[in-house]
Amino acid sequence: MDEHVLLQRITVNPKIFGGKPIIRGRRLAVEHVLGMMAAGDPPETILQGYPWLEPADIQACLAYAHRLVGHERIEPLPVESPS
């Protein structure tokens, strides 16, 4: 699916979660889905927990994160070498 089409699944409503990005106007924040994936939850588990959620919604969250970090500069954490 085209990334532009996927990103249309991500919406913002100031009345839901203080305007954080959510999926299709529902009360599920993009950051929550990304957090579950970062914790190791497979997409199948996420989809079972939210029956209305579609695989394309998870893809949309990933596309959103990709776009977001594509414009951010992340400084690597300095690591001191052992003496």
PDB file of N, CA and C in Angstrom:
ATOM      1  N   MET A   1       0.852  -1.178   0.000  1.00  0.00           N
ATOM      2  CA  MET A   1       0.000   0.000   0.000  1.00  0.00           C
ATOM      3  C   MET A   1       0.899   1.243   0.000  1.00  0.00           C
ATOM      4  N   ASP A   2       0.495   2.247  -0.726  1.00  0.00           N
ATOM      5  CA  ASP A   2       1.224   3.504  -0.834  1.00  0.00           C
ATOM      6  C   ASP A   2       1.333   4.182   0.544  1.00  0.00           C
ATOM      7  N   GLU A   3       2.520   4.715   0.845  1.00  0.00           N
ATOM      8  CA  GLU A   3       2.739   5.332   2.158  1.00  0.00           C
ATOM      9  C   GLU A   3       1.785   6.498   2.400  1.00  0.00           C
ATOM     10  N   HIS A   4       1.515   7.275   1.379  1.00  0.00           N
ATOM     11  CA  HIS A   4       0.593   8.402   1.531  1.00  0.00           C
ATOM     12  C   HIS A   4      -0.800   7.920   1.929  1.00  0.00           C
ATOM     13  N   VAL A   5      -1.240   6.845   1.327  1.00  0.00           N
ATOM     14  CA  VAL A   5      -2.547   6.266   1.664  1.00  0.00           C
ATOM     15  C   VAL A   5      -2.524   5.724   3.091  1.00  0.00           C
ATOM     16  N   LEU A   6      -1.441   5.054   3.469  1.00  0.00           N
ATOM     17  CA  LEU A   6      -1.325   4.540   4.839  1.00  0.00           C
ATOM     18  C   LEU A   6      -1.413   5.671   5.859  1.00  0.00           C
ATOM     19  N   LEU A   7      -0.721   6.768   5.581  1.00  0.00           N
ATOM     20  CA  LEU A   7      -0.685   7.868   6.550  1.00  0.00           C
ATOM     21  C   LEU A   7      -2.039   8.538   6.734  1.00  0.00           C
ATOM     22  N   GLN A   8      -2.959   8.334   5.825  1.00  0.00           N
ATOM     23  CA  GLN A   8      -4.305   8.886   5.997  1.00  0.00           C
ATOM     24  C   GLN A   8      -5.064   8.169   7.110  1.00  0.00           C
ATOM     25  N   ARG A   9      -4.555   7.025   7.543  1.00  0.00           N
ATOM     26  CA  ARG A   9      -5.159   6.288   8.661  1.00  0.00           C
ATOM     27  C   ARG A   9      -4.791   6.923  10.008  1.00  0.00           C
ATOM     28  N   ILE A  10      -3.766   7.750  10.013  1.00  0.00           N
ATOM     29  CA  ILE A  10      -3.319   8.396  11.241  1.00  0.00           C
ATOM     30  C   ILE A  10      -3.985   9.767  11.317  1.00  0.00           C
ATOM     31  N   THR A  11      -4.701   9.999  12.407  1.00  0.00           N
ATOM     32  CA  THR A  11      -5.418  11.256  12.567  1.00  0.00           C
ATOM     33  C   THR A  11      -5.039  11.903  13.895  1.00  0.00           C
ATOM     34  N   VAL A  12      -5.425  13.160  14.024  1.00  0.00           N
ATOM     35  CA  VAL A  12      -5.188  13.908  15.259  1.00  0.00           C
ATOM     36  C   VAL A  12      -6.491  14.576  15.645  1.00  0.00           C
ATOM     37  N   ASN A  13      -6.893  14.382  16.887  1.00  0.00           N
ATOM     38  CA  ASN A  13      -8.103  15.009  17.410  1.00  0.00           C
ATOM     39  C   ASN A  13      -7.723  15.601  18.763  1.00  0.00           C
ATOM     40  N   PRO A  14      -7.778  16.920  18.888  1.00  0.00           N
ATOM     41  CA  PRO A  14      -7.380  17.554  20.150  1.00  0.00           C
ATOM     42  C   PRO A  14      -8.165  17.048  21.370  1.00  0.00           C
ATOM     43  N   LYS A  15      -9.328  16.439  21.142  1.00  0.00           N
ATOM     44  CA  LYS A  15     -10.148  15.945  22.243  1.00  0.00           C
ATOM     45  C   LYS A  15      -9.775  14.523  22.660  1.00  0.00           C
ATOM     46  N   ILE A  16      -8.896  13.871  21.891  1.00  0.00           N
ATOM     47  CA  ILE A  16      -8.484  12.504  22.214  1.00  0.00           C
ATOM     48  C   ILE A  16      -6.992  12.494  22.487  1.00  0.00           C
ATOM     49  N   PHE A  17      -6.624  12.069  23.676  1.00  0.00           N
ATOM     50  CA  PHE A  17      -5.226  11.970  24.102  1.00  0.00           C
ATOM     51  C   PHE A  17      -4.458  13.271  23.893  1.00  0.00           C
ATOM     52  N   GLY A  18      -5.128  14.389  24.087  1.00  0.00           N
ATOM     53  CA  GLY A  18      -4.457  15.685  23.993  1.00  0.00           C
ATOM     54  C   GLY A  18      -3.892  15.998  22.623  1.00  0.00           C
ATOM     55  N   GLY A  19      -4.455  15.392  21.581  1.00  0.00           N
ATOM     56  CA  GLY A  19      -4.003  15.686  20.234  1.00  0.00           C
ATOM     57  C   GLY A  19      -2.882  14.803  19.728  1.00  0.00           C
ATOM     58  N   LYS A  20      -2.578  13.736  20.460  1.00  0.00           N
ATOM     59  CA  LYS A  20      -1.553  12.806  19.975  1.00  0.00           C
ATOM     60  C   LYS A  20      -2.075  12.074  18.748  1.00  0.00           C
ATOM     61  N   PRO A  21      -1.180  11.638  17.871  1.00  0.00           N
ATOM     62  CA  PRO A  21      -1.626  10.882  16.696  1.00  0.00           C
ATOM     63  C   PRO A  21      -2.311   9.583  17.109  1.00  0.00           C
ATOM     64  N   ILE A  22      -3.469   9.330  16.493  1.00  0.00           N
ATOM     65  CA  ILE A  22      -4.267   8.148  16.795  1.00  0.00           C
ATOM     66  C   ILE A  22      -4.612   7.426  15.491  1.00  0.00           C
ATOM     67  N   ILE A  23      -5.143   6.234  15.609  1.00  0.00           N
ATOM     68  CA  ILE A  23      -5.469   5.432  14.444  1.00  0.00           C
ATOM     69  C   ILE A  23      -6.946   5.579  14.098  1.00  0.00           C
ATOM     70  N   ARG A  24      -7.198   6.093  12.911  1.00  0.00           N
ATOM     71  CA  ARG A  24      -8.549   6.238  12.354  1.00  0.00           C
ATOM     72  C   ARG A  24      -9.567   6.849  13.319  1.00  0.00           C
ATOM     73  N   GLY A  25      -9.135   7.838  14.083  1.00  0.00           N
ATOM     74  CA  GLY A  25     -10.052   8.536  14.969  1.00  0.00           C
ATOM     75  C   GLY A  25     -10.453   7.760  16.206  1.00  0.00           C
ATOM     76  N   ARG A  26      -9.880   6.587  16.401  1.00  0.00           N
ATOM     77  CA  ARG A  26     -10.222   5.743  17.551  1.00  0.00           C
ATOM     78  C   ARG A  26      -9.302   6.076  18.718  1.00  0.00           C
ATOM     79  N   ARG A  27      -9.622   5.563  19.868  1.00  0.00           N
ATOM     80  CA  ARG A  27      -8.825   5.813  21.069  1.00  0.00           C
ATOM     81  C   ARG A  27      -7.673   4.806  21.192  1.00  0.00           C
ATOM     82  N   LEU A  28      -6.833   4.803  20.178  1.00  0.00           N
ATOM     83  CA  LEU A  28      -5.620   3.998  20.203  1.00  0.00           C
ATOM     84  C   LEU A  28      -4.512   4.855  19.600  1.00  0.00           C
ATOM     85  N   ALA A  29      -3.566   5.236  20.446  1.00  0.00           N
ATOM     86  CA  ALA A  29      -2.484   6.115  20.011  1.00  0.00           C
ATOM     87  C   ALA A  29      -1.438   5.339  19.217  1.00  0.00           C
ATOM     88  N   VAL A  30      -0.883   6.014  18.236  1.00  0.00           N
ATOM     89  CA  VAL A  30       0.203   5.443  17.437  1.00  0.00           C
ATOM     90  C   VAL A  30       1.335   5.000  18.361  1.00  0.00           C
ATOM     91  N   GLU A  31       1.657   5.826  19.343  1.00  0.00           N
ATOM     92  CA  GLU A  31       2.766   5.492  20.238  1.00  0.00           C
ATOM     93  C   GLU A  31       2.504   4.197  21.009  1.00  0.00           C
ATOM     94  N   HIS A  32       1.239   3.890  21.281  1.00  0.00           N
ATOM     95  CA  HIS A  32       0.914   2.660  21.999  1.00  0.00           C
ATOM     96  C   HIS A  32       1.218   1.440  21.124  1.00  0.00           C
ATOM     97  N   VAL A  33       0.823   1.509  19.860  1.00  0.00           N
ATOM     98  CA  VAL A  33       1.097   0.406  18.936  1.00  0.00           C
ATOM     99  C   VAL A  33       2.604   0.239  18.764  1.00  0.00           C
ATOM    100  N   LEU A  34       3.313   1.339  18.590  1.00  0.00           N
ATOM    101  CA  LEU A  34       4.763   1.267  18.432  1.00  0.00           C
ATOM    102  C   LEU A  34       5.426   0.712  19.692  1.00  0.00           C
ATOM    103  N   GLY A  35       4.905   1.089  20.853  1.00  0.00           N
ATOM    104  CA  GLY A  35       5.436   0.566  22.118  1.00  0.00           C
ATOM    105  C   GLY A  35       5.238  -0.932  22.240  1.00  0.00           C
ATOM    106  N   MET A  36       4.073  -1.413  21.815  1.00  0.00           N
ATOM    107  CA  MET A  36       3.829  -2.857  21.855  1.00  0.00           C
ATOM    108  C   MET A  36       4.785  -3.589  20.920  1.00  0.00           C
ATOM    109  N   MET A  37       5.003  -3.022  19.752  1.00  0.00           N
ATOM    110  CA  MET A  37       5.921  -3.654  18.804  1.00  0.00           C
ATOM    111  C   MET A  37       7.353  -3.617  19.343  1.00  0.00           C
ATOM    112  N   ALA A  38       7.736  -2.509  19.949  1.00  0.00           N
ATOM    113  CA  ALA A  38       9.080  -2.396  20.523  1.00  0.00           C
ATOM    114  C   ALA A  38       9.280  -3.387  21.667  1.00  0.00           C
ATOM    115  N   ALA A  39       8.193  -3.718  22.362  1.00  0.00           N
ATOM    116  CA  ALA A  39       8.265  -4.685  23.460  1.00  0.00           C
ATOM    117  C   ALA A  39       8.299  -6.124  22.955  1.00  0.00           C
ATOM    118  N   GLY A  40       8.153  -6.291  21.629  1.00  0.00           N
ATOM    119  CA  GLY A  40       8.236  -7.624  21.062  1.00  0.00           C
ATOM    120  C   GLY A  40       6.917  -8.269  20.705  1.00  0.00           C
ATOM    121  N   ASP A  41       5.820  -7.545  20.892  1.00  0.00           N
ATOM    122  CA  ASP A  41       4.519  -8.110  20.523  1.00  0.00           C
ATOM    123  C   ASP A  41       4.419  -8.225  19.004  1.00  0.00           C
ATOM    124  N   PRO A  42       4.107  -9.404  18.499  1.00  0.00           N
ATOM    125  CA  PRO A  42       3.942  -9.543  17.051  1.00  0.00           C
ATOM    126  C   PRO A  42       2.631  -8.886  16.603  1.00  0.00           C
ATOM    127  N   PRO A  43       2.547  -8.499  15.340  1.00  0.00           N
ATOM    128  CA  PRO A  43       1.315  -7.879  14.846  1.00  0.00           C
ATOM    129  C   PRO A  43       0.067  -8.706  15.124  1.00  0.00           C
ATOM    130  N   GLU A  44       0.181 -10.019  15.072  1.00  0.00           N
ATOM    131  CA  GLU A  44      -0.985 -10.882  15.317  1.00  0.00           C
ATOM    132  C   GLU A  44      -1.550 -10.670  16.721  1.00  0.00           C
ATOM    133  N   THR A  45      -0.673 -10.514  17.701  1.00  0.00           N
ATOM    134  CA  THR A  45      -1.112 -10.282  19.080  1.00  0.00           C
ATOM    135  C   THR A  45      -1.806  -8.939  19.208  1.00  0.00           C
ATOM    136  N   ILE A  46      -1.246  -7.934  18.564  1.00  0.00           N
ATOM    137  CA  ILE A  46      -1.845  -6.594  18.605  1.00  0.00           C
ATOM    138  C   ILE A  46      -3.226  -6.623  17.956  1.00  0.00           C
ATOM    139  N   LEU A  47      -3.331  -7.299  16.824  1.00  0.00           N
ATOM    140  CA  LEU A  47      -4.615  -7.395  16.125  1.00  0.00           C
ATOM    141  C   LEU A  47      -5.654  -8.156  16.941  1.00  0.00           C
ATOM    142  N   GLN A  48      -5.222  -9.165  17.703  1.00  0.00           N
ATOM    143  CA  GLN A  48      -6.152  -9.902  18.564  1.00  0.00           C
ATOM    144  C   GLN A  48      -6.654  -9.021  19.703  1.00  0.00           C
ATOM    145  N   GLY A  49      -5.799  -8.157  20.211  1.00  0.00           N
ATOM    146  CA  GLY A  49      -6.176  -7.280  21.316  1.00  0.00           C
ATOM    147  C   GLY A  49      -7.114  -6.161  20.908  1.00  0.00           C
ATOM    148  N   TYR A  50      -7.096  -5.807  19.649  1.00  0.00           N
ATOM    149  CA  TYR A  50      -7.932  -4.727  19.117  1.00  0.00           C
ATOM    150  C   TYR A  50      -8.628  -5.253  17.861  1.00  0.00           C
ATOM    151  N   PRO A  51      -9.773  -5.907  18.010  1.00  0.00           N
ATOM    152  CA  PRO A  51     -10.444  -6.559  16.875  1.00  0.00           C
ATOM    153  C   PRO A  51     -10.772  -5.631  15.705  1.00  0.00           C
ATOM    154  N   TRP A  52     -10.946  -4.367  15.945  1.00  0.00           N
ATOM    155  CA  TRP A  52     -11.265  -3.413  14.880  1.00  0.00           C
ATOM    156  C   TRP A  52     -10.018  -2.997  14.096  1.00  0.00           C
ATOM    157  N   LEU A  53      -8.849  -3.248  14.663  1.00  0.00           N
ATOM    158  CA  LEU A  53      -7.589  -2.850  14.039  1.00  0.00           C
ATOM    159  C   LEU A  53      -7.312  -3.713  12.806  1.00  0.00           C
ATOM    160  N   GLU A  54      -6.731  -3.110  11.791  1.00  0.00           N
ATOM    161  CA  GLU A  54      -6.390  -3.815  10.558  1.00  0.00           C
ATOM    162  C   GLU A  54      -4.876  -3.832  10.382  1.00  0.00           C
ATOM    163  N   PRO A  55      -4.341  -4.836   9.679  1.00  0.00           N
ATOM    164  CA  PRO A  55      -2.893  -4.878   9.446  1.00  0.00           C
ATOM    165  C   PRO A  55      -2.354  -3.575   8.851  1.00  0.00           C
ATOM    166  N   ALA A  56      -3.129  -2.938   7.986  1.00  0.00           N
ATOM    167  CA  ALA A  56      -2.690  -1.676   7.388  1.00  0.00           C
ATOM    168  C   ALA A  56      -2.545  -0.576   8.435  1.00  0.00           C
ATOM    169  N   ASP A  57      -3.285  -0.668   9.542  1.00  0.00           N
ATOM    170  CA  ASP A  57      -3.146   0.318  10.614  1.00  0.00           C
ATOM    171  C   ASP A  57      -1.765   0.203  11.264  1.00  0.00           C
ATOM    172  N   ILE A  58      -1.302  -1.019  11.444  1.00  0.00           N
ATOM    173  CA  ILE A  58       0.033  -1.225  12.013  1.00  0.00           C
ATOM    174  C   ILE A  58       1.085  -0.712  11.041  1.00  0.00           C
ATOM    175  N   GLN A  59       0.907  -0.992   9.766  1.00  0.00           N
ATOM    176  CA  GLN A  59       1.821  -0.469   8.756  1.00  0.00           C
ATOM    177  C   GLN A  59       1.820   1.057   8.782  1.00  0.00           C
ATOM    178  N   ALA A  60       0.654   1.654   8.984  1.00  0.00           N
ATOM    179  CA  ALA A  60       0.545   3.108   9.037  1.00  0.00           C
ATOM    180  C   ALA A  60       1.335   3.672  10.215  1.00  0.00           C
ATOM    181  N   CYS A  61       1.299   2.990  11.342  1.00  0.00           N
ATOM    182  CA  CYS A  61       2.073   3.433  12.505  1.00  0.00           C
ATOM    183  C   CYS A  61       3.571   3.408  12.199  1.00  0.00           C
ATOM    184  N   LEU A  62       4.006   2.354  11.528  1.00  0.00           N
ATOM    185  CA  LEU A  62       5.413   2.251  11.161  1.00  0.00           C
ATOM    186  C   LEU A  62       5.801   3.329  10.144  1.00  0.00           C
ATOM    187  N   ALA A  63       4.938   3.581   9.185  1.00  0.00           N
ATOM    188  CA  ALA A  63       5.207   4.625   8.193  1.00  0.00           C
ATOM    189  C   ALA A  63       5.273   5.991   8.872  1.00  0.00           C
ATOM    190  N   TYR A  64       4.378   6.225   9.834  1.00  0.00           N
ATOM    191  CA  TYR A  64       4.375   7.486  10.582  1.00  0.00           C
ATOM    192  C   TYR A  64       5.688   7.661  11.342  1.00  0.00           C
ATOM    193  N   ALA A  65       6.108   6.611  12.030  1.00  0.00           N
ATOM    194  CA  ALA A  65       7.366   6.668  12.783  1.00  0.00           C
ATOM    195  C   ALA A  65       8.546   6.885  11.846  1.00  0.00           C
ATOM    196  N   HIS A  66       8.535   6.230  10.707  1.00  0.00           N
ATOM    197  CA  HIS A  66       9.612   6.387   9.729  1.00  0.00           C
ATOM    198  C   HIS A  66       9.711   7.832   9.263  1.00  0.00           C
ATOM    199  N   ARG A  67       8.576   8.425   8.949  1.00  0.00           N
ATOM    200  CA  ARG A  67       8.563   9.828   8.516  1.00  0.00           C
ATOM    201  C   ARG A  67       9.047  10.742   9.641  1.00  0.00           C
ATOM    202  N   LEU A  68       8.619  10.447  10.848  1.00  0.00           N
ATOM    203  CA  LEU A  68       8.973  11.292  11.983  1.00  0.00           C
ATOM    204  C   LEU A  68      10.475  11.263  12.252  1.00  0.00           C
ATOM    205  N   VAL A  69      11.052  10.096  12.312  1.00  0.00           N
ATOM    206  CA  VAL A  69      12.483  10.015  12.611  1.00  0.00           C
ATOM    207  C   VAL A  69      13.333  10.398  11.408  1.00  0.00           C
ATOM    208  N   GLY A  70      12.752  10.368  10.233  1.00  0.00           N
ATOM    209  CA  GLY A  70      13.491  10.795   9.050  1.00  0.00           C
ATOM    210  C   GLY A  70      13.848  12.265   9.089  1.00  0.00           C
ATOM    211  N   HIS A  71      13.161  13.012   9.921  1.00  0.00           N
ATOM    212  CA  HIS A  71      13.411  14.448  10.030  1.00  0.00           C
ATOM    213  C   HIS A  71      14.071  14.824  11.348  1.00  0.00           C
ATOM    214  N   GLU A  72      14.460  13.847  12.124  1.00  0.00           N
ATOM    215  CA  GLU A  72      15.079  14.088  13.414  1.00  0.00           C
ATOM    216  C   GLU A  72      16.559  13.754  13.367  1.00  0.00           C
ATOM    217  N   ARG A  73      17.319  14.473  14.138  1.00  0.00           N
ATOM    218  CA  ARG A  73      18.729  14.151  14.288  1.00  0.00           C
ATOM    219  C   ARG A  73      18.881  13.490  15.647  1.00  0.00           C
ATOM    220  N   ILE A  74      19.427  12.316  15.646  1.00  0.00           N
ATOM    221  CA  ILE A  74      19.609  11.580  16.890  1.00  0.00           C
ATOM    222  C   ILE A  74      21.096  11.488  17.169  1.00  0.00           C
ATOM    223  N   GLU A  75      21.489  12.002  18.308  1.00  0.00           N
ATOM    224  CA  GLU A  75      22.897  11.959  18.702  1.00  0.00           C
ATOM    225  C   GLU A  75      23.178  10.636  19.370  1.00  0.00           C
ATOM    226  N   PRO A  76      24.209   9.936  18.905  1.00  0.00           N
ATOM    227  CA  PRO A  76      24.553   8.670  19.569  1.00  0.00           C
ATOM    228  C   PRO A  76      25.016   8.925  20.997  1.00  0.00           C
ATOM    229  N   LEU A  77      24.698   7.989  21.857  1.00  0.00           N
ATOM    230  CA  LEU A  77      25.100   8.081  23.250  1.00  0.00           C
ATOM    231  C   LEU A  77      26.600   7.813  23.338  1.00  0.00           C
ATOM    232  N   PRO A  78      27.364   8.763  23.912  1.00  0.00           N
ATOM    233  CA  PRO A  78      28.812   8.523  24.029  1.00  0.00           C
ATOM    234  C   PRO A  78      29.096   7.341  24.972  1.00  0.00           C
ATOM    235  N   VAL A  79      29.979   6.502  24.568  1.00  0.00           N
ATOM    236  CA  VAL A  79      30.364   5.354  25.368  1.00  0.00           C
ATOM    237  C   VAL A  79      31.833   5.470  25.685  1.00  0.00           C
ATOM    238  N   GLU A  80      32.141   5.422  26.958  1.00  0.00           N
ATOM    239  CA  GLU A  80      33.545   5.505  27.351  1.00  0.00           C
ATOM    240  C   GLU A  80      34.161   4.119  27.265  1.00  0.00           C
ATOM    241  N   SER A  81      35.328   4.067  26.683  1.00  0.00           N
ATOM    242  CA  SER A  81      36.005   2.766  26.593  1.00  0.00           C
ATOM    243  C   SER A  81      36.678   2.463  27.918  1.00  0.00           C
ATOM    244  N   PRO A  82      36.715   1.183  28.277  1.00  0.00           N
ATOM    245  CA  PRO A  82      37.330   0.820  29.556  1.00  0.00           C
ATOM    246  C   PRO A  82      38.820   1.138  29.536  1.00  0.00           C
ATOM    247  N   SER A  83      39.321   1.583  30.671  1.00  0.00           N
ATOM    248  CA  SER A  83      40.752   1.947  30.775  1.00  0.00           C
ATOM    249  C   SER A  83      41.642   0.759  30.896  1.00  0.00           C
TER     250      SER A  83
END
